[in-house]
N, C-alpha and C. Protein backbone atom coordinates (compact mmCIF):
# COMPACT_ATOMS: atom_id res chain seq x y z
N TYR A 1 0.82 -1.17 0.00
CA TYR A 1 0.00 0.00 0.00
C TYR A 1 0.87 1.23 0.00
N TYR A 2 0.48 2.11 -0.80
CA TYR A 2 1.32 3.26 -1.10
C TYR A 2 1.58 4.14 0.12
N ILE A 3 0.51 4.51 0.79
CA ILE A 3 0.65 5.43 1.94
C ILE A 3 1.42 4.75 3.05
N THR A 4 1.07 3.51 3.35
CA THR A 4 1.75 2.82 4.44
C THR A 4 3.20 2.55 4.08
N ASN A 5 3.49 2.25 2.80
CA ASN A 5 4.88 2.03 2.39
C ASN A 5 5.68 3.32 2.53
N ASN A 6 5.11 4.44 2.09
CA ASN A 6 5.80 5.72 2.22
C ASN A 6 6.00 6.07 3.69
N LEU A 7 4.98 5.83 4.47
CA LEU A 7 5.06 6.13 5.89
C LEU A 7 6.10 5.26 6.56
N SER A 8 6.15 3.99 6.19
CA SER A 8 7.13 3.10 6.81
C SER A 8 8.55 3.49 6.39
N ARG A 9 8.73 4.00 5.16
CA ARG A 9 10.06 4.45 4.74
C ARG A 9 10.50 5.65 5.58
N GLU A 10 9.56 6.51 5.88
CA GLU A 10 9.92 7.71 6.63
C GLU A 10 10.12 7.43 8.11
N MET A 11 9.44 6.48 8.59
CA MET A 11 9.54 6.21 10.03
C MET A 11 10.68 5.25 10.36
N GLY A 12 11.20 4.58 9.37
CA GLY A 12 12.33 3.71 9.59
C GLY A 12 11.94 2.53 10.47
N ASP A 13 12.60 2.42 11.65
CA ASP A 13 12.37 1.30 12.56
C ASP A 13 10.99 1.34 13.16
N PHE A 14 10.38 2.49 13.22
CA PHE A 14 9.08 2.62 13.84
C PHE A 14 7.96 2.42 12.83
N ALA A 15 8.25 1.74 11.70
CA ALA A 15 7.26 1.58 10.63
C ALA A 15 6.06 0.82 11.13
N LEU A 16 4.93 1.18 10.55
CA LEU A 16 3.68 0.51 10.89
C LEU A 16 3.61 -0.81 10.17
N ASP A 17 2.97 -1.72 10.78
CA ASP A 17 2.74 -3.02 10.16
C ASP A 17 1.66 -2.85 9.11
N GLU A 18 1.76 -3.56 8.01
CA GLU A 18 0.77 -3.41 6.95
C GLU A 18 -0.50 -4.18 7.26
N THR A 19 -0.49 -4.88 8.32
CA THR A 19 -1.71 -5.62 8.67
C THR A 19 -2.70 -4.65 9.25
N ALA A 20 -3.93 -4.97 9.04
CA ALA A 20 -5.00 -4.09 9.48
C ALA A 20 -5.08 -4.08 11.01
N LEU A 21 -5.43 -2.93 11.54
CA LEU A 21 -5.61 -2.80 12.97
C LEU A 21 -7.02 -3.29 13.33
N PRO A 22 -7.17 -3.79 14.53
CA PRO A 22 -8.52 -4.22 14.89
C PRO A 22 -9.46 -3.03 14.87
N MET A 23 -10.60 -3.20 14.25
CA MET A 23 -11.53 -2.10 14.07
C MET A 23 -12.64 -2.18 15.10
N ALA A 24 -12.99 -1.02 15.50
CA ALA A 24 -14.03 -0.96 16.49
C ALA A 24 -15.39 -1.11 15.87
N ASN A 25 -15.52 -0.62 14.64
CA ASN A 25 -16.85 -0.71 14.04
C ASN A 25 -16.74 -0.82 12.52
N ALA A 26 -17.88 -0.99 11.87
CA ALA A 26 -17.95 -1.17 10.42
C ALA A 26 -17.58 0.12 9.69
N PHE A 27 -17.87 1.26 10.25
CA PHE A 27 -17.54 2.54 9.63
C PHE A 27 -16.04 2.69 9.47
N ASN A 28 -15.29 2.33 10.54
CA ASN A 28 -13.83 2.41 10.45
C ASN A 28 -13.29 1.42 9.42
N LYS A 29 -13.91 0.23 9.39
CA LYS A 29 -13.49 -0.75 8.41
C LYS A 29 -13.75 -0.22 6.99
N GLN A 30 -14.87 0.42 6.80
CA GLN A 30 -15.22 1.00 5.49
C GLN A 30 -14.22 2.10 5.11
N ILE A 31 -13.84 2.91 6.07
CA ILE A 31 -12.87 3.97 5.83
C ILE A 31 -11.52 3.35 5.50
N GLU A 32 -11.13 2.32 6.25
CA GLU A 32 -9.85 1.66 5.97
C GLU A 32 -9.86 1.05 4.57
N ASP A 33 -10.97 0.45 4.17
CA ASP A 33 -11.09 -0.11 2.82
C ASP A 33 -10.97 1.00 1.77
N GLN A 34 -11.61 2.13 2.03
CA GLN A 34 -11.52 3.27 1.11
C GLN A 34 -10.07 3.78 1.01
N VAL A 35 -9.38 3.84 2.16
CA VAL A 35 -7.99 4.29 2.17
C VAL A 35 -7.13 3.32 1.37
N LYS A 36 -7.34 2.00 1.57
CA LYS A 36 -6.58 1.01 0.81
C LYS A 36 -6.88 1.15 -0.69
N HIS A 37 -8.16 1.33 -1.00
CA HIS A 37 -8.56 1.49 -2.40
C HIS A 37 -7.92 2.76 -3.00
N LYS A 38 -7.97 3.85 -2.26
CA LYS A 38 -7.35 5.11 -2.72
C LYS A 38 -5.84 4.95 -2.82
N ASP A 39 -5.27 4.20 -1.85
CA ASP A 39 -3.83 3.95 -1.87
C ASP A 39 -3.46 3.15 -3.13
N ASN A 40 -4.27 2.15 -3.47
CA ASN A 40 -4.04 1.39 -4.72
C ASN A 40 -4.19 2.29 -5.94
N ASP A 41 -5.23 3.12 -5.93
CA ASP A 41 -5.43 4.07 -7.04
C ASP A 41 -4.23 5.01 -7.17
N LEU A 42 -3.74 5.50 -6.02
CA LEU A 42 -2.60 6.41 -6.02
C LEU A 42 -1.36 5.71 -6.56
N TYR A 43 -1.15 4.46 -6.18
CA TYR A 43 -0.01 3.69 -6.66
C TYR A 43 -0.13 3.48 -8.17
N THR A 44 -1.33 3.13 -8.63
CA THR A 44 -1.57 2.92 -10.07
C THR A 44 -1.34 4.22 -10.84
N MET A 45 -1.87 5.31 -10.28
CA MET A 45 -1.69 6.60 -10.94
C MET A 45 -0.21 7.00 -10.98
N ASP A 46 0.50 6.73 -9.87
CA ASP A 46 1.92 7.05 -9.82
C ASP A 46 2.68 6.23 -10.87
N SER A 47 2.33 4.96 -11.00
CA SER A 47 2.94 4.11 -12.03
C SER A 47 2.61 4.64 -13.42
N ASP A 48 1.34 5.04 -13.63
CA ASP A 48 0.94 5.60 -14.92
C ASP A 48 1.73 6.88 -15.22
N ILE A 49 1.89 7.72 -14.19
CA ILE A 49 2.63 8.98 -14.37
C ILE A 49 4.07 8.68 -14.76
N LYS A 50 4.70 7.71 -14.06
CA LYS A 50 6.08 7.35 -14.39
C LYS A 50 6.16 6.81 -15.81
N GLU A 51 5.20 5.96 -16.18
CA GLU A 51 5.18 5.39 -17.53
C GLU A 51 4.98 6.49 -18.57
N LYS A 52 4.04 7.40 -18.29
CA LYS A 52 3.77 8.48 -19.24
C LYS A 52 4.96 9.44 -19.33
N ARG A 53 5.63 9.69 -18.21
CA ARG A 53 6.84 10.52 -18.24
C ARG A 53 7.92 9.86 -19.10
N ALA A 54 8.04 8.55 -18.93
CA ALA A 54 9.02 7.81 -19.74
C ALA A 54 8.64 7.91 -21.23
N ARG A 55 7.35 7.78 -21.52
CA ARG A 55 6.89 7.91 -22.90
C ARG A 55 7.13 9.31 -23.43
N VAL A 56 6.83 10.32 -22.59
CA VAL A 56 7.06 11.71 -22.99
C VAL A 56 8.56 11.92 -23.25
N GLU A 57 9.39 11.36 -22.38
CA GLU A 57 10.85 11.47 -22.55
C GLU A 57 11.27 10.80 -23.86
N ALA A 58 10.73 9.60 -24.12
CA ALA A 58 11.07 8.89 -25.36
C ALA A 58 10.56 9.67 -26.57
N MET A 59 9.34 10.20 -26.45
CA MET A 59 8.78 10.98 -27.56
C MET A 59 9.56 12.27 -27.77
N SER A 60 9.99 12.89 -26.68
CA SER A 60 10.81 14.10 -26.79
C SER A 60 12.13 13.78 -27.48
N GLU A 61 12.74 12.67 -27.09
CA GLU A 61 13.99 12.25 -27.73
C GLU A 61 13.75 11.95 -29.21
N HIS A 62 12.65 11.25 -29.48
CA HIS A 62 12.30 10.95 -30.88
C HIS A 62 12.06 12.25 -31.66
N MET A 63 11.35 13.19 -31.04
CA MET A 63 11.08 14.48 -31.69
C MET A 63 12.38 15.21 -31.98
N LYS A 64 13.31 15.16 -31.04
CA LYS A 64 14.61 15.80 -31.24
C LYS A 64 15.33 15.14 -32.42
N ASN A 65 15.28 13.81 -32.49
CA ASN A 65 15.91 13.09 -33.60
C ASN A 65 15.23 13.42 -34.93
N VAL A 66 13.91 13.51 -34.92
CA VAL A 66 13.17 13.85 -36.14
C VAL A 66 13.53 15.27 -36.60
N GLN A 67 13.64 16.20 -35.63
CA GLN A 67 14.02 17.57 -35.98
C GLN A 67 15.44 17.63 -36.55
N GLN A 68 16.35 16.83 -35.97
CA GLN A 68 17.71 16.78 -36.52
C GLN A 68 17.68 16.21 -37.93
N GLU A 69 16.91 15.14 -38.11
CA GLU A 69 16.80 14.54 -39.44
C GLU A 69 16.17 15.52 -40.42
N LEU A 70 15.16 16.27 -39.97
CA LEU A 70 14.55 17.29 -40.83
C LEU A 70 15.57 18.36 -41.21
N SER A 71 16.35 18.78 -40.23
CA SER A 71 17.38 19.79 -40.50
C SER A 71 18.40 19.26 -41.51
N ILE A 72 18.82 18.03 -41.32
CA ILE A 72 19.79 17.42 -42.25
C ILE A 72 19.17 17.32 -43.64
N THR A 73 17.92 16.89 -43.69
CA THR A 73 17.24 16.76 -44.99
C THR A 73 17.08 18.12 -45.66
N GLN A 74 16.74 19.14 -44.89
CA GLN A 74 16.62 20.49 -45.45
C GLN A 74 17.97 20.97 -45.98
N ASN A 75 19.03 20.67 -45.25
CA ASN A 75 20.37 21.04 -45.71
C ASN A 75 20.73 20.30 -46.99
N LEU A 76 20.35 19.01 -47.06
CA LEU A 76 20.61 18.23 -48.27
C LEU A 76 19.82 18.80 -49.45
N VAL A 77 18.57 19.17 -49.20
CA VAL A 77 17.75 19.75 -50.26
C VAL A 77 18.36 21.07 -50.73
N ALA A 78 18.78 21.90 -49.78
CA ALA A 78 19.39 23.18 -50.14
C ALA A 78 20.68 22.95 -50.94
N ALA A 79 21.47 21.98 -50.52
CA ALA A 79 22.71 21.67 -51.26
C ALA A 79 22.39 21.17 -52.66
N ARG A 80 21.37 20.32 -52.77
CA ARG A 80 20.98 19.79 -54.09
C ARG A 80 20.46 20.92 -54.98
N LEU A 81 19.69 21.85 -54.40
CA LEU A 81 19.20 23.00 -55.18
C LEU A 81 20.37 23.85 -55.68
N LYS A 82 21.36 24.06 -54.83
CA LYS A 82 22.55 24.81 -55.26
C LYS A 82 23.29 24.05 -56.35
N GLU A 83 23.35 22.74 -56.21
CA GLU A 83 24.01 21.92 -57.23
C GLU A 83 23.26 22.02 -58.56
N ILE A 84 21.94 21.97 -58.50
CA ILE A 84 21.13 22.10 -59.71
C ILE A 84 21.34 23.48 -60.33
N GLU A 85 21.35 24.50 -59.47
CA GLU A 85 21.58 25.87 -59.96
C GLU A 85 22.94 25.98 -60.63
N SER A 86 23.94 25.37 -60.02
CA SER A 86 25.28 25.38 -60.58
C SER A 86 25.32 24.63 -61.91
N GLU A 87 24.65 23.48 -61.97
CA GLU A 87 24.59 22.71 -63.22
C GLU A 87 23.88 23.50 -64.31
N ASN A 88 22.80 24.18 -63.95
CA ASN A 88 22.09 25.01 -64.93
C ASN A 88 22.98 26.14 -65.44
N HIS A 89 23.73 26.74 -64.53
CA HIS A 89 24.64 27.82 -64.91
C HIS A 89 25.71 27.28 -65.88
N LEU A 90 26.28 26.12 -65.53
CA LEU A 90 27.30 25.52 -66.40
C LEU A 90 26.70 25.13 -67.75
N ARG A 91 25.45 24.64 -67.75
CA ARG A 91 24.78 24.29 -69.00
C ARG A 91 24.59 25.53 -69.86
N MET A 92 24.17 26.63 -69.22
CA MET A 92 23.98 27.87 -69.96
C MET A 92 25.31 28.36 -70.55
N LEU A 93 26.39 28.26 -69.76
CA LEU A 93 27.71 28.66 -70.27
C LEU A 93 28.11 27.78 -71.45
N ALA A 94 27.85 26.49 -71.33
CA ALA A 94 28.19 25.56 -72.42
C ALA A 94 27.37 25.87 -73.67
N GLU A 95 26.09 26.21 -73.48
CA GLU A 95 25.25 26.56 -74.63
C GLU A 95 25.75 27.84 -75.30
N ARG A 96 26.13 28.82 -74.49
CA ARG A 96 26.69 30.06 -75.06
C ARG A 96 27.97 29.76 -75.83
N GLU A 97 28.83 28.95 -75.23
CA GLU A 97 30.08 28.59 -75.89
C GLU A 97 29.80 27.83 -77.19
N GLN A 98 28.82 26.94 -77.15
CA GLN A 98 28.46 26.20 -78.36
C GLN A 98 27.94 27.17 -79.43
N GLY A 99 27.13 28.13 -79.04
CA GLY A 99 26.65 29.14 -79.98
C GLY A 99 27.79 29.94 -80.57
N ARG A 100 28.74 30.32 -79.73
CA ARG A 100 29.90 31.09 -80.19
C ARG A 100 30.73 30.24 -81.17
N ILE A 101 30.93 28.97 -80.83
CA ILE A 101 31.70 28.09 -81.70
C ILE A 101 30.97 27.86 -83.02
N ASN A 102 29.65 27.68 -82.96
CA ASN A 102 28.87 27.51 -84.20
C ASN A 102 28.98 28.75 -85.09
N LEU A 103 28.95 29.92 -84.47
CA LEU A 103 29.10 31.17 -85.23
C LEU A 103 30.49 31.24 -85.86
N LEU A 104 31.49 30.85 -85.09
CA LEU A 104 32.86 30.84 -85.60
C LEU A 104 32.99 29.85 -86.76
N ILE A 105 32.38 28.68 -86.62
CA ILE A 105 32.40 27.68 -87.70
C ILE A 105 31.72 28.23 -88.94
N LYS A 106 30.58 28.90 -88.76
CA LYS A 106 29.87 29.48 -89.91
C LYS A 106 30.74 30.53 -90.60
N ARG A 107 31.41 31.36 -89.80
CA ARG A 107 32.30 32.38 -90.38
C ARG A 107 33.42 31.72 -91.17
N LYS A 108 34.00 30.67 -90.60
CA LYS A 108 35.10 29.98 -91.29
C LYS A 108 34.59 29.32 -92.58
N LYS A 109 33.40 28.74 -92.53
CA LYS A 109 32.83 28.15 -93.76
C LYS A 109 32.58 29.23 -94.81
N ASP A 110 32.08 30.38 -94.35
CA ASP A 110 31.87 31.50 -95.28
C ASP A 110 33.20 31.95 -95.87
N ASP A 111 34.25 32.00 -95.01
CA ASP A 111 35.58 32.38 -95.50
C ASP A 111 36.07 31.36 -96.53
N ILE A 112 35.86 30.09 -96.24
CA ILE A 112 36.29 29.04 -97.17
C ILE A 112 35.54 29.18 -98.49
N ASP A 113 34.23 29.40 -98.40
CA ASP A 113 33.43 29.58 -99.63
C ASP A 113 33.94 30.78 -100.43
N GLU A 114 34.23 31.87 -99.73
CA GLU A 114 34.73 33.07 -100.41
C GLU A 114 36.09 32.78 -101.07
N ILE A 115 36.96 32.07 -100.35
CA ILE A 115 38.29 31.73 -100.90
C ILE A 115 38.13 30.81 -102.12
N LYS A 116 37.20 29.85 -102.03
CA LYS A 116 36.96 28.95 -103.16
C LYS A 116 36.45 29.75 -104.36
N GLU A 117 35.57 30.68 -104.09
CA GLU A 117 35.03 31.52 -105.19
C GLU A 117 36.15 32.34 -105.82
N ARG A 118 37.00 32.95 -104.97
CA ARG A 118 38.12 33.73 -105.52
C ARG A 118 39.08 32.83 -106.29
N GLN A 119 39.32 31.63 -105.75
CA GLN A 119 40.20 30.68 -106.43
C GLN A 119 39.61 30.31 -107.80
N ASN A 120 38.32 30.06 -107.83
CA ASN A 120 37.63 29.72 -109.07
C ASN A 120 37.74 30.87 -110.07
N THR A 121 37.53 32.09 -109.55
CA THR A 121 37.65 33.28 -110.41
C THR A 121 39.07 33.39 -110.96
N HIS A 122 40.07 33.20 -110.10
CA HIS A 122 41.46 33.27 -110.54
C HIS A 122 41.78 32.17 -111.56
N GLU A 123 41.27 30.97 -111.29
CA GLU A 123 41.50 29.87 -112.24
C GLU A 123 40.86 30.18 -113.59
N ASN A 124 39.65 30.73 -113.56
CA ASN A 124 38.98 31.12 -114.82
C ASN A 124 39.78 32.19 -115.54
N ASN A 125 40.24 33.20 -114.77
CA ASN A 125 41.06 34.26 -115.38
C ASN A 125 42.35 33.68 -115.95
N MET A 126 42.97 32.78 -115.19
CA MET A 126 44.20 32.16 -115.68
C MET A 126 43.95 31.39 -116.98
N PHE A 127 42.82 30.69 -117.00
CA PHE A 127 42.49 29.94 -118.22
C PHE A 127 42.32 30.90 -119.41
N ARG A 128 41.56 31.99 -119.18
CA ARG A 128 41.36 32.97 -120.25
C ARG A 128 42.68 33.59 -120.68
N TYR A 129 43.51 33.95 -119.70
CA TYR A 129 44.80 34.55 -120.05
C TYR A 129 45.69 33.54 -120.78
N THR A 130 45.61 32.28 -120.33
CA THR A 130 46.39 31.25 -121.02
C THR A 130 45.94 31.12 -122.46
N GLN A 131 44.62 31.15 -122.65
CA GLN A 131 44.10 31.10 -124.03
C GLN A 131 44.58 32.30 -124.83
N LYS A 132 44.54 33.47 -124.23
CA LYS A 132 45.01 34.68 -124.93
C LYS A 132 46.49 34.55 -125.27
N ILE A 133 47.25 34.03 -124.31
CA ILE A 133 48.69 33.86 -124.54
C ILE A 133 48.90 32.88 -125.69
N GLU A 134 48.12 31.81 -125.68
CA GLU A 134 48.24 30.83 -126.77
C GLU A 134 47.87 31.49 -128.11
N GLN A 135 46.83 32.31 -128.09
CA GLN A 135 46.44 33.01 -129.32
C GLN A 135 47.58 33.93 -129.76
N ILE A 136 48.13 34.65 -128.81
CA ILE A 136 49.24 35.57 -129.14
C ILE A 136 50.43 34.78 -129.66
N LYS A 137 50.70 33.63 -129.02
CA LYS A 137 51.81 32.79 -129.48
C LYS A 137 51.55 32.32 -130.92
N GLN A 138 50.31 31.92 -131.17
CA GLN A 138 49.96 31.48 -132.53
C GLN A 138 50.14 32.64 -133.51
N GLN A 139 49.68 33.79 -133.08
CA GLN A 139 49.85 34.96 -133.95
C GLN A 139 51.33 35.26 -134.15
N MET A 140 52.09 35.10 -133.07
CA MET A 140 53.51 35.37 -133.16
C MET A 140 54.19 34.36 -134.07
N LYS A 141 53.72 33.11 -134.05
CA LYS A 141 54.29 32.12 -134.94
C LYS A 141 54.03 32.52 -136.37
N TRP A 142 52.79 32.97 -136.61
CA TRP A 142 52.48 33.42 -137.96
C TRP A 142 53.30 34.65 -138.29
N SER A 143 53.39 35.52 -137.36
CA SER A 143 54.18 36.73 -137.59
C SER A 143 55.63 36.35 -137.77
N GLN A 144 56.07 35.39 -136.96
CA GLN A 144 57.46 34.94 -137.06
C GLN A 144 57.70 34.33 -138.43
N LYS A 145 56.76 33.54 -138.87
CA LYS A 145 56.90 32.92 -140.18
C LYS A 145 56.88 33.99 -141.26
N GLU A 146 55.95 34.92 -141.09
CA GLU A 146 55.87 36.01 -142.06
C GLU A 146 57.15 36.82 -142.05
N LEU A 147 57.65 37.07 -140.81
CA LEU A 147 58.89 37.82 -140.67
C LEU A 147 60.04 37.06 -141.31
N GLU A 148 60.11 35.82 -141.02
CA GLU A 148 61.18 35.00 -141.58
C GLU A 148 61.06 34.94 -143.11
N THR A 149 59.81 34.78 -143.55
CA THR A 149 59.57 34.75 -144.99
C THR A 149 59.96 36.09 -145.59
N GLY A 150 59.52 37.15 -144.94
CA GLY A 150 59.86 38.48 -145.44
C GLY A 150 61.37 38.70 -145.44
N LEU A 151 62.06 38.27 -144.41
CA LEU A 151 63.51 38.42 -144.32
C LEU A 151 64.21 37.60 -145.41
N LYS A 152 63.71 36.45 -145.62
CA LYS A 152 64.31 35.60 -146.66
C LYS A 152 64.10 36.26 -148.02
N LYS A 153 62.92 36.78 -148.19
CA LYS A 153 62.60 37.44 -149.45
C LYS A 153 63.53 38.63 -149.64
N ARG A 154 63.67 39.43 -148.63
CA ARG A 154 64.52 40.59 -148.72
C ARG A 154 65.97 40.17 -148.91
N HIS A 155 66.34 39.17 -148.23
CA HIS A 155 67.70 38.69 -148.33
C HIS A 155 67.96 38.20 -149.77
N THR A 156 66.99 37.54 -150.31
CA THR A 156 67.10 37.09 -151.68
C THR A 156 67.11 38.29 -152.61
N GLU A 157 66.32 39.24 -152.37
CA GLU A 157 66.27 40.44 -153.21
C GLU A 157 67.59 41.17 -153.11
N MET A 158 68.14 41.21 -151.94
CA MET A 158 69.41 41.88 -151.80
C MET A 158 70.53 41.14 -152.52
N LYS A 159 70.40 39.91 -152.54
CA LYS A 159 71.40 39.13 -153.23
C LYS A 159 71.25 39.35 -154.73
N MET A 160 70.14 39.56 -155.15
CA MET A 160 69.89 39.77 -156.57
C MET A 160 70.27 41.17 -156.99
N GLN A 161 70.33 41.93 -156.25
CA GLN A 161 70.66 43.28 -156.63
C GLN A 161 72.10 43.41 -156.74
């Protein structure tokens, strides 16, 4: 019994015996029964309080662990968001660089096309000039022949004179 146990702890050697005292009447017996019943209720409630305190302590510890886990998870999410932001930034830089390189490639292709066109023009001009040179050479051969013929004629005329 809770009250008698507490009382006996406090009184030490002078502790009361847990056995019931002889009762003078039924009223006292009823009161003693009520005290025992209340003492049992008090003991049960005290046990419940200890159990609930232990549960509250466990739940508080669990809550602390959940909050730590939440904090860690939030930090991981924030780090992942920064990583995604960094990846997006790098992707944008790569896209810009790719655009710049594509523009440079287009310029170089345009330069190559222009050089090919100039080369073609030069080759055409060279062909035309070569043809003209050949024509001039042919004319010169005729002129040379005419000159040689004329010289021979004159030389012959001079000899005859």
